[in-house]
N, C-alpha and C. Protein backbone atom coordinates (compact mmCIF):
# COMPACT_ATOMS: atom_id res chain seq x y z
N UNK A 1 112.35 112.48 96.94
CA UNK A 1 113.73 112.30 97.36
C UNK A 1 114.70 112.85 96.33
N UNK A 2 114.45 112.54 95.08
CA UNK A 2 115.32 113.02 94.02
C UNK A 2 115.28 114.54 93.94
N UNK A 3 114.07 115.11 94.02
CA UNK A 3 113.93 116.57 93.99
C UNK A 3 114.69 117.20 95.16
N UNK A 4 114.60 116.58 96.32
CA UNK A 4 115.29 117.08 97.51
C UNK A 4 116.79 117.11 97.28
N UNK A 5 117.34 116.03 96.75
CA UNK A 5 118.78 115.94 96.54
C UNK A 5 119.25 116.82 95.38
N UNK A 6 118.42 116.98 94.38
CA UNK A 6 118.75 117.93 93.31
C UNK A 6 118.86 119.34 93.91
N UNK A 7 117.93 119.67 94.78
CA UNK A 7 117.98 120.98 95.43
C UNK A 7 119.20 121.13 96.31
N UNK A 8 119.50 120.09 97.11
CA UNK A 8 120.62 120.17 98.04
C UNK A 8 121.96 120.28 97.31
N UNK A 9 122.12 119.55 96.22
CA UNK A 9 123.42 119.46 95.55
C UNK A 9 123.58 120.42 94.38
N UNK A 10 122.49 120.72 93.70
CA UNK A 10 122.61 121.54 92.49
C UNK A 10 122.03 122.94 92.65
N UNK A 11 120.94 123.07 93.40
CA UNK A 11 120.28 124.38 93.54
C UNK A 11 120.04 124.69 95.02
N UNK A 12 121.10 124.80 95.81
CA UNK A 12 120.93 124.98 97.26
C UNK A 12 120.21 126.27 97.65
N UNK A 13 120.15 127.23 96.75
CA UNK A 13 119.47 128.49 97.07
C UNK A 13 117.98 128.49 96.72
N UNK A 14 117.53 127.40 96.08
CA UNK A 14 116.11 127.30 95.71
C UNK A 14 115.37 126.47 96.76
N UNK A 15 114.66 127.14 97.62
CA UNK A 15 114.03 126.48 98.76
C UNK A 15 112.90 125.53 98.34
N UNK A 16 112.32 125.75 97.15
CA UNK A 16 111.18 124.94 96.74
C UNK A 16 111.56 123.48 96.52
N UNK A 17 112.77 123.24 96.05
CA UNK A 17 113.23 121.86 95.91
C UNK A 17 113.23 121.16 97.27
N UNK A 18 113.71 121.86 98.28
CA UNK A 18 113.81 121.27 99.61
C UNK A 18 112.45 121.07 100.25
N UNK A 19 111.53 122.03 100.02
CA UNK A 19 110.19 121.90 100.58
C UNK A 19 109.45 120.70 100.00
N UNK A 20 109.54 120.52 98.69
CA UNK A 20 108.92 119.35 98.05
C UNK A 20 109.58 118.08 98.55
N UNK A 21 110.89 118.12 98.70
CA UNK A 21 111.62 116.94 99.15
C UNK A 21 111.28 116.50 100.55
N UNK A 22 110.77 117.42 101.37
CA UNK A 22 110.42 117.06 102.75
C UNK A 22 109.29 116.03 102.83
N UNK A 23 108.56 115.85 101.74
CA UNK A 23 107.48 114.85 101.74
C UNK A 23 108.03 113.44 101.84
N UNK A 24 109.31 113.27 101.52
CA UNK A 24 109.88 111.94 101.36
C UNK A 24 110.00 111.17 102.67
N UNK A 25 110.64 111.76 103.67
CA UNK A 25 111.02 110.98 104.85
C UNK A 25 109.82 110.48 105.67
N UNK A 26 108.72 111.26 105.81
CA UNK A 26 107.56 110.66 106.50
C UNK A 26 107.01 109.44 105.77
N UNK A 27 107.02 109.49 104.45
CA UNK A 27 106.51 108.35 103.68
C UNK A 27 107.43 107.14 103.83
N UNK A 28 108.73 107.37 103.75
CA UNK A 28 109.69 106.27 103.87
C UNK A 28 109.61 105.63 105.25
N UNK A 29 109.59 106.44 106.30
CA UNK A 29 109.55 105.87 107.65
C UNK A 29 108.22 105.15 107.90
N UNK A 30 107.15 105.68 107.37
CA UNK A 30 105.84 105.01 107.48
C UNK A 30 105.89 103.63 106.82
N UNK A 31 106.45 103.56 105.62
CA UNK A 31 106.50 102.30 104.90
C UNK A 31 107.46 101.31 105.57
N UNK A 32 108.52 101.81 106.17
CA UNK A 32 109.44 100.93 106.89
C UNK A 32 108.75 100.28 108.08
N UNK A 33 107.92 101.05 108.78
CA UNK A 33 107.16 100.49 109.90
C UNK A 33 106.15 99.45 109.40
N UNK A 34 105.52 99.74 108.27
CA UNK A 34 104.61 98.74 107.69
C UNK A 34 105.38 97.47 107.34
N UNK A 35 106.58 97.64 106.80
CA UNK A 35 107.42 96.49 106.51
C UNK A 35 107.77 95.71 107.77
N UNK A 36 108.02 96.41 108.86
CA UNK A 36 108.31 95.78 110.14
C UNK A 36 107.16 94.88 110.59
N UNK A 37 105.94 95.36 110.39
CA UNK A 37 104.77 94.61 110.84
C UNK A 37 104.39 93.48 109.90
N UNK A 38 104.81 93.57 108.66
CA UNK A 38 104.38 92.56 107.68
C UNK A 38 105.46 91.55 107.31
N UNK A 39 106.72 91.86 107.62
CA UNK A 39 107.78 90.96 107.21
C UNK A 39 107.69 89.62 107.93
N UNK A 40 108.07 88.57 107.24
CA UNK A 40 108.09 87.23 107.85
C UNK A 40 109.38 87.00 108.62
N UNK A 41 110.38 87.84 108.37
CA UNK A 41 111.68 87.65 109.02
C UNK A 41 112.31 89.01 109.27
N UNK A 42 112.14 89.54 110.48
CA UNK A 42 112.62 90.88 110.78
C UNK A 42 114.14 90.97 110.72
N UNK A 43 114.84 89.89 111.10
CA UNK A 43 116.30 89.92 111.06
C UNK A 43 116.79 90.04 109.63
N UNK A 44 116.17 89.30 108.73
CA UNK A 44 116.56 89.37 107.32
C UNK A 44 116.22 90.75 106.74
N UNK A 45 115.09 91.29 107.14
CA UNK A 45 114.66 92.62 106.70
C UNK A 45 115.68 93.69 107.10
N UNK A 46 116.11 93.64 108.35
CA UNK A 46 117.06 94.61 108.85
C UNK A 46 118.46 94.39 108.26
N UNK A 47 118.82 93.13 108.07
CA UNK A 47 120.13 92.83 107.48
C UNK A 47 120.20 93.36 106.05
N UNK A 48 119.11 93.25 105.33
CA UNK A 48 119.06 93.77 103.95
C UNK A 48 119.27 95.28 103.94
N UNK A 49 118.60 95.98 104.86
CA UNK A 49 118.78 97.43 104.94
C UNK A 49 120.23 97.77 105.29
N UNK A 50 120.80 97.01 106.22
CA UNK A 50 122.19 97.24 106.63
C UNK A 50 123.15 97.07 105.46
N UNK A 51 122.97 96.03 104.68
CA UNK A 51 123.86 95.77 103.54
C UNK A 51 123.80 96.90 102.52
N UNK A 52 122.59 97.34 102.21
CA UNK A 52 122.46 98.42 101.23
C UNK A 52 122.91 99.76 101.81
N UNK A 53 122.81 99.93 103.13
CA UNK A 53 123.34 101.14 103.76
C UNK A 53 124.85 101.20 103.59
N UNK A 54 125.52 100.06 103.74
CA UNK A 54 126.97 100.01 103.55
C UNK A 54 127.34 100.31 102.10
N UNK A 55 126.57 99.76 101.17
CA UNK A 55 126.84 100.00 99.75
C UNK A 55 126.67 101.48 99.41
N UNK A 56 125.62 102.09 99.97
CA UNK A 56 125.30 103.49 99.64
C UNK A 56 126.24 104.49 100.31
N UNK A 57 126.87 104.11 101.42
CA UNK A 57 127.63 105.09 102.22
C UNK A 57 128.77 105.78 101.47
N UNK A 58 129.61 105.08 100.72
CA UNK A 58 130.68 105.80 99.99
C UNK A 58 130.13 106.83 99.01
N UNK A 59 129.03 106.51 98.36
CA UNK A 59 128.42 107.44 97.41
C UNK A 59 127.81 108.62 98.15
N UNK A 60 127.20 108.34 99.29
CA UNK A 60 126.65 109.42 100.12
C UNK A 60 127.74 110.40 100.54
N UNK A 61 128.90 109.87 100.91
CA UNK A 61 130.01 110.72 101.32
C UNK A 61 130.56 111.54 100.15
N UNK A 62 130.53 110.97 98.96
CA UNK A 62 130.91 111.74 97.78
C UNK A 62 130.02 112.95 97.61
N UNK A 63 128.72 112.71 97.80
CA UNK A 63 127.74 113.77 97.57
C UNK A 63 127.72 114.80 98.70
N UNK A 64 127.79 114.35 99.95
CA UNK A 64 127.57 115.25 101.08
C UNK A 64 128.76 115.42 102.02
N UNK A 65 129.85 114.73 101.75
CA UNK A 65 131.12 114.90 102.48
C UNK A 65 131.17 114.24 103.86
N UNK A 66 130.08 114.26 104.61
CA UNK A 66 130.12 113.62 105.93
C UNK A 66 128.74 113.13 106.32
N UNK A 67 128.67 112.44 107.46
CA UNK A 67 127.40 111.92 107.95
C UNK A 67 127.12 110.52 107.46
N UNK A 68 126.00 109.98 107.90
CA UNK A 68 125.56 108.63 107.53
C UNK A 68 124.27 108.72 106.73
N UNK A 69 124.14 107.87 105.72
CA UNK A 69 122.98 107.95 104.84
C UNK A 69 121.70 107.49 105.52
N UNK A 70 120.58 107.79 104.89
CA UNK A 70 119.27 107.61 105.52
C UNK A 70 118.93 106.15 105.83
N UNK A 71 119.57 105.21 105.13
CA UNK A 71 119.30 103.80 105.43
C UNK A 71 119.76 103.44 106.85
N UNK A 72 120.79 104.12 107.33
CA UNK A 72 121.20 103.91 108.72
C UNK A 72 120.16 104.46 109.68
N UNK A 73 119.53 105.57 109.32
CA UNK A 73 118.43 106.10 110.14
C UNK A 73 117.32 105.06 110.29
N UNK A 74 116.96 104.45 109.16
CA UNK A 74 115.90 103.45 109.17
C UNK A 74 116.29 102.25 110.00
N UNK A 75 117.54 101.84 109.89
CA UNK A 75 118.02 100.69 110.64
C UNK A 75 118.00 100.96 112.14
N UNK A 76 118.43 102.13 112.54
CA UNK A 76 118.42 102.49 113.96
C UNK A 76 116.99 102.59 114.48
N UNK A 77 116.12 103.21 113.71
CA UNK A 77 114.72 103.31 114.11
C UNK A 77 114.06 101.95 114.29
N UNK A 78 114.32 101.06 113.36
CA UNK A 78 113.78 99.70 113.47
C UNK A 78 114.34 98.98 114.69
N UNK A 79 115.62 99.19 114.96
CA UNK A 79 116.24 98.57 116.13
C UNK A 79 115.58 99.04 117.41
N UNK A 80 115.25 100.33 117.46
CA UNK A 80 114.61 100.90 118.65
C UNK A 80 113.25 100.26 118.90
N UNK A 81 112.40 100.20 117.87
CA UNK A 81 111.06 99.63 118.11
C UNK A 81 111.13 98.12 118.35
N UNK A 82 112.13 97.46 117.79
CA UNK A 82 112.30 96.03 118.06
C UNK A 82 112.67 95.81 119.52
N UNK A 83 113.57 96.62 120.05
CA UNK A 83 113.97 96.51 121.46
C UNK A 83 112.80 96.83 122.37
N UNK A 84 112.04 97.87 122.03
CA UNK A 84 110.88 98.24 122.84
C UNK A 84 109.86 97.11 122.87
N UNK A 85 109.60 96.51 121.73
CA UNK A 85 108.62 95.42 121.66
C UNK A 85 109.11 94.18 122.41
N UNK A 86 110.39 93.89 122.29
CA UNK A 86 110.93 92.66 122.87
C UNK A 86 111.01 92.73 124.39
N UNK A 87 111.42 93.88 124.91
CA UNK A 87 111.69 93.98 126.34
C UNK A 87 110.59 94.72 127.12
N UNK A 88 109.55 95.19 126.42
CA UNK A 88 108.41 95.84 127.10
C UNK A 88 108.91 96.90 128.08
N UNK A 89 109.56 97.92 127.59
CA UNK A 89 110.29 98.87 128.42
C UNK A 89 109.41 99.84 129.20
N UNK A 90 108.15 99.98 128.80
CA UNK A 90 107.30 100.94 129.50
C UNK A 90 107.84 102.35 129.36
N UNK A 91 107.89 103.10 130.49
CA UNK A 91 108.36 104.49 130.43
C UNK A 91 109.84 104.59 130.09
N UNK A 92 110.58 103.48 130.27
CA UNK A 92 112.01 103.50 129.93
C UNK A 92 112.25 103.68 128.43
N UNK A 93 111.20 103.40 127.65
CA UNK A 93 111.36 103.57 126.21
C UNK A 93 111.66 105.03 125.84
N UNK A 94 111.17 105.96 126.66
CA UNK A 94 111.40 107.37 126.36
C UNK A 94 112.85 107.76 126.69
N UNK A 95 113.42 107.14 127.72
CA UNK A 95 114.85 107.34 127.99
C UNK A 95 115.69 106.78 126.84
N UNK A 96 115.28 105.61 126.34
CA UNK A 96 115.97 105.02 125.20
C UNK A 96 115.90 105.93 123.99
N UNK A 97 114.70 106.45 123.72
CA UNK A 97 114.52 107.36 122.59
C UNK A 97 115.40 108.61 122.73
N UNK A 98 115.44 109.16 123.92
CA UNK A 98 116.25 110.34 124.15
C UNK A 98 117.73 110.07 123.92
N UNK A 99 118.20 108.94 124.45
CA UNK A 99 119.61 108.58 124.29
C UNK A 99 119.94 108.34 122.82
N UNK A 100 119.10 107.57 122.14
CA UNK A 100 119.36 107.27 120.73
C UNK A 100 119.26 108.53 119.89
N UNK A 101 118.30 109.39 120.20
CA UNK A 101 118.15 110.63 119.45
C UNK A 101 119.37 111.53 119.56
N UNK A 102 119.89 111.68 120.77
CA UNK A 102 121.09 112.50 120.96
C UNK A 102 122.31 111.87 120.28
N UNK A 103 122.38 110.54 120.35
CA UNK A 103 123.48 109.84 119.68
C UNK A 103 123.39 110.02 118.17
N UNK A 104 122.17 109.99 117.64
CA UNK A 104 121.96 110.17 116.20
C UNK A 104 122.45 111.54 115.75
N UNK A 105 122.21 112.56 116.57
CA UNK A 105 122.71 113.89 116.25
C UNK A 105 124.24 113.91 116.29
N UNK A 106 124.80 113.26 117.32
CA UNK A 106 126.25 113.27 117.51
C UNK A 106 126.99 112.59 116.37
N UNK A 107 126.41 111.51 115.84
CA UNK A 107 127.09 110.77 114.76
C UNK A 107 126.62 111.21 113.38
N UNK A 108 125.76 112.21 113.34
CA UNK A 108 125.28 112.82 112.07
C UNK A 108 124.54 111.82 111.18
N UNK A 109 123.54 111.17 111.75
CA UNK A 109 122.61 110.45 110.88
C UNK A 109 121.98 111.46 109.94
N UNK A 110 121.58 111.02 108.78
CA UNK A 110 121.07 111.92 107.74
C UNK A 110 119.96 112.83 108.27
N UNK A 111 119.03 112.24 109.00
CA UNK A 111 117.91 113.01 109.54
C UNK A 111 118.01 113.20 111.05
N UNK A 112 119.23 113.08 111.57
CA UNK A 112 119.46 113.22 112.99
C UNK A 112 118.49 112.34 113.79
N UNK A 113 117.72 112.93 114.68
CA UNK A 113 116.79 112.21 115.54
C UNK A 113 115.42 112.02 114.90
N UNK A 114 115.11 112.77 113.84
CA UNK A 114 113.73 112.87 113.36
C UNK A 114 113.20 111.58 112.75
N UNK A 115 113.98 110.90 111.93
CA UNK A 115 113.51 109.65 111.33
C UNK A 115 113.22 108.61 112.40
N UNK A 116 114.08 108.56 113.40
CA UNK A 116 113.90 107.60 114.50
C UNK A 116 112.61 107.88 115.25
N UNK A 117 112.35 109.14 115.55
CA UNK A 117 111.13 109.50 116.27
C UNK A 117 109.89 109.25 115.43
N UNK A 118 109.98 109.49 114.12
CA UNK A 118 108.84 109.20 113.26
C UNK A 118 108.54 107.71 113.21
N UNK A 119 109.58 106.89 113.14
CA UNK A 119 109.38 105.44 113.15
C UNK A 119 108.70 105.02 114.45
N UNK A 120 109.13 105.59 115.56
CA UNK A 120 108.51 105.28 116.85
C UNK A 120 107.04 105.67 116.85
N UNK A 121 106.72 106.86 116.36
CA UNK A 121 105.33 107.33 116.33
C UNK A 121 104.47 106.44 115.44
N UNK A 122 104.94 106.15 114.24
CA UNK A 122 104.16 105.32 113.32
C UNK A 122 103.94 103.92 113.90
N UNK A 123 104.90 103.44 114.64
CA UNK A 123 104.78 102.10 115.25
C UNK A 123 103.80 102.12 116.42
N UNK A 124 103.99 103.06 117.32
CA UNK A 124 103.17 103.10 118.54
C UNK A 124 101.72 103.44 118.26
N UNK A 125 101.48 104.26 117.24
CA UNK A 125 100.11 104.72 116.95
C UNK A 125 99.55 104.10 115.68
N UNK A 126 100.12 103.02 115.25
CA UNK A 126 99.71 102.37 114.01
C UNK A 126 98.20 102.07 114.04
N UNK A 127 97.52 102.50 112.97
CA UNK A 127 96.08 102.30 112.89
C UNK A 127 95.27 103.46 113.45
N UNK A 128 95.93 104.41 114.07
CA UNK A 128 95.27 105.58 114.66
C UNK A 128 95.77 106.82 113.92
N UNK A 129 95.18 107.10 112.77
CA UNK A 129 95.72 108.19 111.95
C UNK A 129 95.59 109.54 112.64
N UNK A 130 94.52 109.78 113.36
CA UNK A 130 94.37 111.05 114.07
C UNK A 130 95.51 111.25 115.06
N UNK A 131 95.81 110.18 115.80
CA UNK A 131 96.91 110.25 116.76
C UNK A 131 98.24 110.49 116.07
N UNK A 132 98.44 109.80 114.94
CA UNK A 132 99.68 109.97 114.17
C UNK A 132 99.80 111.41 113.68
N UNK A 133 98.72 111.95 113.14
CA UNK A 133 98.75 113.31 112.60
C UNK A 133 99.08 114.32 113.70
N UNK A 134 98.49 114.16 114.86
CA UNK A 134 98.76 115.07 115.97
C UNK A 134 100.21 114.94 116.44
N UNK A 135 100.67 113.69 116.56
CA UNK A 135 102.03 113.46 117.06
C UNK A 135 103.09 113.96 116.09
N UNK A 136 102.90 113.70 114.80
CA UNK A 136 103.87 114.14 113.80
C UNK A 136 103.89 115.67 113.72
N UNK A 137 102.71 116.28 113.76
CA UNK A 137 102.64 117.75 113.74
C UNK A 137 103.33 118.34 114.96
N UNK A 138 103.06 117.76 116.14
CA UNK A 138 103.68 118.23 117.37
C UNK A 138 105.20 118.05 117.32
N UNK A 139 105.64 116.93 116.77
CA UNK A 139 107.08 116.66 116.67
C UNK A 139 107.79 117.76 115.88
N UNK A 140 107.25 118.09 114.72
CA UNK A 140 107.96 119.04 113.86
C UNK A 140 107.82 120.48 114.34
N UNK A 141 106.72 120.80 115.00
CA UNK A 141 106.60 122.13 115.58
C UNK A 141 107.57 122.28 116.75
N UNK A 142 107.61 121.27 117.62
CA UNK A 142 108.54 121.30 118.75
C UNK A 142 109.98 121.35 118.26
N UNK A 143 110.28 120.57 117.24
CA UNK A 143 111.63 120.54 116.68
C UNK A 143 112.01 121.92 116.13
N UNK A 144 111.06 122.56 115.44
CA UNK A 144 111.28 123.90 114.89
C UNK A 144 111.56 124.90 116.01
N UNK A 145 110.79 124.85 117.09
CA UNK A 145 110.95 125.80 118.18
C UNK A 145 112.27 125.58 118.92
N UNK A 146 112.57 124.31 119.22
CA UNK A 146 113.80 124.00 119.97
C UNK A 146 115.04 124.40 119.18
N UNK A 147 115.08 124.00 117.91
CA UNK A 147 116.28 124.32 117.13
C UNK A 147 116.31 125.77 116.69
N UNK A 148 115.15 126.42 116.68
CA UNK A 148 115.15 127.86 116.45
C UNK A 148 115.84 128.59 117.60
N UNK A 149 115.57 128.16 118.82
CA UNK A 149 116.23 128.75 119.99
C UNK A 149 117.73 128.47 119.95
N UNK A 150 118.08 127.21 119.65
CA UNK A 150 119.51 126.85 119.57
C UNK A 150 120.21 127.65 118.48
N UNK A 151 119.54 127.80 117.35
CA UNK A 151 120.13 128.55 116.23
C UNK A 151 120.36 130.00 116.61
N UNK A 152 119.42 130.59 117.34
CA UNK A 152 119.58 131.98 117.78
C UNK A 152 120.74 132.13 118.77
N UNK A 153 120.86 131.16 119.66
CA UNK A 153 121.94 131.22 120.65
C UNK A 153 123.30 131.05 119.99
N UNK A 154 123.37 130.10 119.05
CA UNK A 154 124.65 129.80 118.41
C UNK A 154 124.91 130.64 117.17
N UNK A 155 123.93 131.44 116.76
CA UNK A 155 124.03 132.26 115.54
C UNK A 155 124.25 131.37 114.31
N UNK A 156 123.61 130.21 114.32
CA UNK A 156 123.74 129.25 113.22
C UNK A 156 122.52 129.37 112.32
N UNK A 157 122.63 130.19 111.29
CA UNK A 157 121.50 130.45 110.41
C UNK A 157 121.08 129.21 109.63
N UNK A 158 122.05 128.40 109.19
CA UNK A 158 121.72 127.21 108.40
C UNK A 158 120.91 126.21 109.21
N UNK A 159 121.19 126.13 110.52
CA UNK A 159 120.43 125.24 111.40
C UNK A 159 118.98 125.67 111.46
N UNK A 160 118.75 126.96 111.57
CA UNK A 160 117.38 127.47 111.62
C UNK A 160 116.65 127.25 110.30
N UNK A 161 117.33 127.46 109.19
CA UNK A 161 116.73 127.27 107.88
C UNK A 161 116.33 125.81 107.69
N UNK A 162 117.24 124.90 108.05
CA UNK A 162 116.97 123.46 107.88
C UNK A 162 115.74 123.03 108.64
N UNK A 163 115.64 123.43 109.89
CA UNK A 163 114.52 122.96 110.71
C UNK A 163 113.24 123.73 110.44
N UNK A 164 113.35 124.88 109.80
CA UNK A 164 112.15 125.56 109.31
C UNK A 164 111.61 124.80 108.10
N UNK A 165 112.50 124.45 107.18
CA UNK A 165 112.10 123.67 106.00
C UNK A 165 111.49 122.34 106.41
N UNK A 166 112.00 121.75 107.48
CA UNK A 166 111.50 120.45 107.93
C UNK A 166 110.02 120.47 108.32
N UNK A 167 109.49 121.65 108.59
CA UNK A 167 108.06 121.75 108.89
C UNK A 167 107.21 121.24 107.73
N UNK A 168 107.76 121.29 106.52
CA UNK A 168 107.02 120.83 105.34
C UNK A 168 106.76 119.33 105.38
N UNK A 169 107.45 118.61 106.26
CA UNK A 169 107.17 117.17 106.40
C UNK A 169 105.72 116.91 106.79
N UNK A 170 105.13 117.86 107.50
CA UNK A 170 103.73 117.72 107.92
C UNK A 170 102.81 117.57 106.72
N UNK A 171 103.20 118.15 105.59
CA UNK A 171 102.37 118.10 104.38
C UNK A 171 102.25 116.70 103.80
N UNK A 172 103.06 115.76 104.29
CA UNK A 172 102.96 114.38 103.81
C UNK A 172 101.79 113.63 104.44
N UNK A 173 101.21 114.17 105.49
CA UNK A 173 100.14 113.46 106.21
C UNK A 173 98.94 113.12 105.33
N UNK A 174 98.45 114.02 104.47
CA UNK A 174 97.33 113.64 103.60
C UNK A 174 97.65 112.45 102.69
N UNK A 175 98.90 112.34 102.26
CA UNK A 175 99.29 111.20 101.43
C UNK A 175 99.25 109.90 102.24
N UNK A 176 99.64 109.97 103.49
CA UNK A 176 99.60 108.78 104.34
C UNK A 176 98.15 108.40 104.67
N UNK A 177 97.30 109.38 104.74
CA UNK A 177 95.89 109.12 105.08
C UNK A 177 95.20 108.25 104.04
N UNK A 178 95.58 108.38 102.78
CA UNK A 178 94.91 107.61 101.73
C UNK A 178 95.44 106.18 101.60
N UNK A 179 96.45 105.83 102.40
CA UNK A 179 96.95 104.46 102.39
C UNK A 179 95.85 103.51 102.85
N UNK A 180 95.58 102.47 102.06
CA UNK A 180 94.46 101.57 102.37
C UNK A 180 94.87 100.30 103.10
N UNK A 181 96.13 100.18 103.44
CA UNK A 181 96.58 99.03 104.21
C UNK A 181 96.96 97.82 103.40
N UNK A 182 96.73 97.86 102.09
CA UNK A 182 97.05 96.70 101.26
C UNK A 182 98.41 96.90 100.59
N UNK A 183 99.07 95.80 100.32
CA UNK A 183 100.40 95.86 99.72
C UNK A 183 100.30 96.01 98.21
N UNK A 184 101.06 96.91 97.67
CA UNK A 184 101.12 97.09 96.23
C UNK A 184 102.23 96.24 95.62
N UNK A 185 102.70 96.65 94.47
CA UNK A 185 103.79 95.93 93.81
C UNK A 185 105.07 96.02 94.65
N UNK A 186 105.87 94.98 94.58
CA UNK A 186 107.09 94.91 95.38
C UNK A 186 108.23 95.62 94.65
N UNK A 187 108.52 96.85 95.07
CA UNK A 187 109.59 97.64 94.47
C UNK A 187 110.75 97.85 95.44
N UNK A 188 110.85 97.01 96.47
CA UNK A 188 111.83 97.29 97.52
C UNK A 188 113.26 97.30 96.97
N UNK A 189 113.60 96.36 96.12
CA UNK A 189 114.96 96.32 95.61
C UNK A 189 115.23 97.47 94.65
N UNK A 190 114.20 97.92 93.98
CA UNK A 190 114.35 99.10 93.13
C UNK A 190 114.77 100.29 93.96
N UNK A 191 114.14 100.49 95.12
CA UNK A 191 114.49 101.62 95.99
C UNK A 191 115.91 101.48 96.50
N UNK A 192 116.28 100.28 96.94
CA UNK A 192 117.62 100.08 97.49
C UNK A 192 118.70 100.40 96.45
N UNK A 193 118.45 100.06 95.21
CA UNK A 193 119.40 100.34 94.14
C UNK A 193 119.30 101.80 93.69
N UNK A 194 118.09 102.30 93.61
CA UNK A 194 117.87 103.67 93.13
C UNK A 194 118.51 104.70 94.05
N UNK A 195 118.46 104.44 95.34
CA UNK A 195 118.96 105.44 96.30
C UNK A 195 120.42 105.81 96.03
N UNK A 196 121.37 104.86 96.05
CA UNK A 196 122.74 105.27 95.74
C UNK A 196 122.94 105.67 94.28
N UNK A 197 122.17 105.04 93.37
CA UNK A 197 122.34 105.35 91.94
C UNK A 197 121.97 106.80 91.64
N UNK A 198 120.88 107.29 92.21
CA UNK A 198 120.47 108.66 91.91
C UNK A 198 121.41 109.67 92.56
N UNK A 199 121.94 109.33 93.76
CA UNK A 199 122.92 110.22 94.39
C UNK A 199 124.18 110.33 93.54
N UNK A 200 124.64 109.20 93.04
CA UNK A 200 125.84 109.21 92.20
C UNK A 200 125.61 110.00 90.93
N UNK A 201 124.44 109.83 90.34
CA UNK A 201 124.11 110.56 89.11
C UNK A 201 124.09 112.07 89.34
N UNK A 202 123.45 112.49 90.42
CA UNK A 202 123.39 113.93 90.72
C UNK A 202 124.78 114.47 91.03
N UNK A 203 125.58 113.69 91.75
CA UNK A 203 126.95 114.12 92.07
C UNK A 203 127.77 114.30 90.80
N UNK A 204 127.66 113.36 89.86
CA UNK A 204 128.41 113.45 88.61
C UNK A 204 127.96 114.66 87.79
N UNK A 205 126.67 114.93 87.80
CA UNK A 205 126.16 116.13 87.13
C UNK A 205 126.74 117.38 87.78
N UNK A 206 126.80 117.37 89.09
CA UNK A 206 127.32 118.52 89.83
C UNK A 206 128.77 118.81 89.47
N UNK A 207 129.62 117.80 89.51
CA UNK A 207 131.05 118.06 89.28
C UNK A 207 131.37 118.31 87.81
N UNK A 208 130.49 117.90 86.91
CA UNK A 208 130.75 118.09 85.49
C UNK A 208 130.06 119.31 84.89
N UNK A 209 128.92 119.67 85.44
CA UNK A 209 128.14 120.76 84.85
C UNK A 209 127.86 121.91 85.81
N UNK A 210 128.17 121.71 87.09
CA UNK A 210 127.93 122.77 88.06
C UNK A 210 129.22 123.06 88.82
N UNK A 211 130.31 123.21 88.08
CA UNK A 211 131.62 123.39 88.71
C UNK A 211 131.68 124.63 89.58
N UNK A 212 130.86 125.62 89.25
CA UNK A 212 130.85 126.82 90.06
C UNK A 212 130.27 126.53 91.44
N UNK A 213 129.44 125.46 91.56
CA UNK A 213 128.85 125.13 92.85
C UNK A 213 129.89 124.49 93.76
N UNK A 214 130.74 123.61 93.17
CA UNK A 214 131.73 122.92 94.01
C UNK A 214 132.97 123.78 94.22
N UNK A 215 133.03 124.91 93.54
CA UNK A 215 134.09 125.86 93.78
C UNK A 215 135.43 125.41 93.23
């Protein structure tokens, strides 16, 4: 995550930072789903994410100017699988996913629709790594093809570059495969604090030492 943001804010022309950074979001969404299944109080779990999302948002806007930070992506994704589980939506769950995904793009969630769809996949196929690997691979290939077409039609080169780089998310699958299902040390609050803290640190470095980048 840090490497990704260093690349985005300090070295936007160095694609390797972004490619390495793509490993982050599949791991985060996977762990959030594990948290969903293991938490003793899902409402408290989601409220905690919401509170830290609010805290992180002003710093996120400093760094990236617009959009909503990734904690909101996680919160929306968790809300989707909670609704699906509670109301047993059947095929209607795919209509819900489509609506939420388009809304996520419209309101500029950090990862648009992708984090939400990954949370859905990890939840629905939990315990079936082969199924997860196929679904995640299919998701990012389809995403690359769809947005490649959109980018060509709209002549939006940055859109095509972003979704090409996103293919590197598939490389996180071997790391998820070695997960043994047991809980390690509890670092959740460290992550919640580290997320806005590292963004603020990188932003301060940018405005003080990379003035040519901010123009």
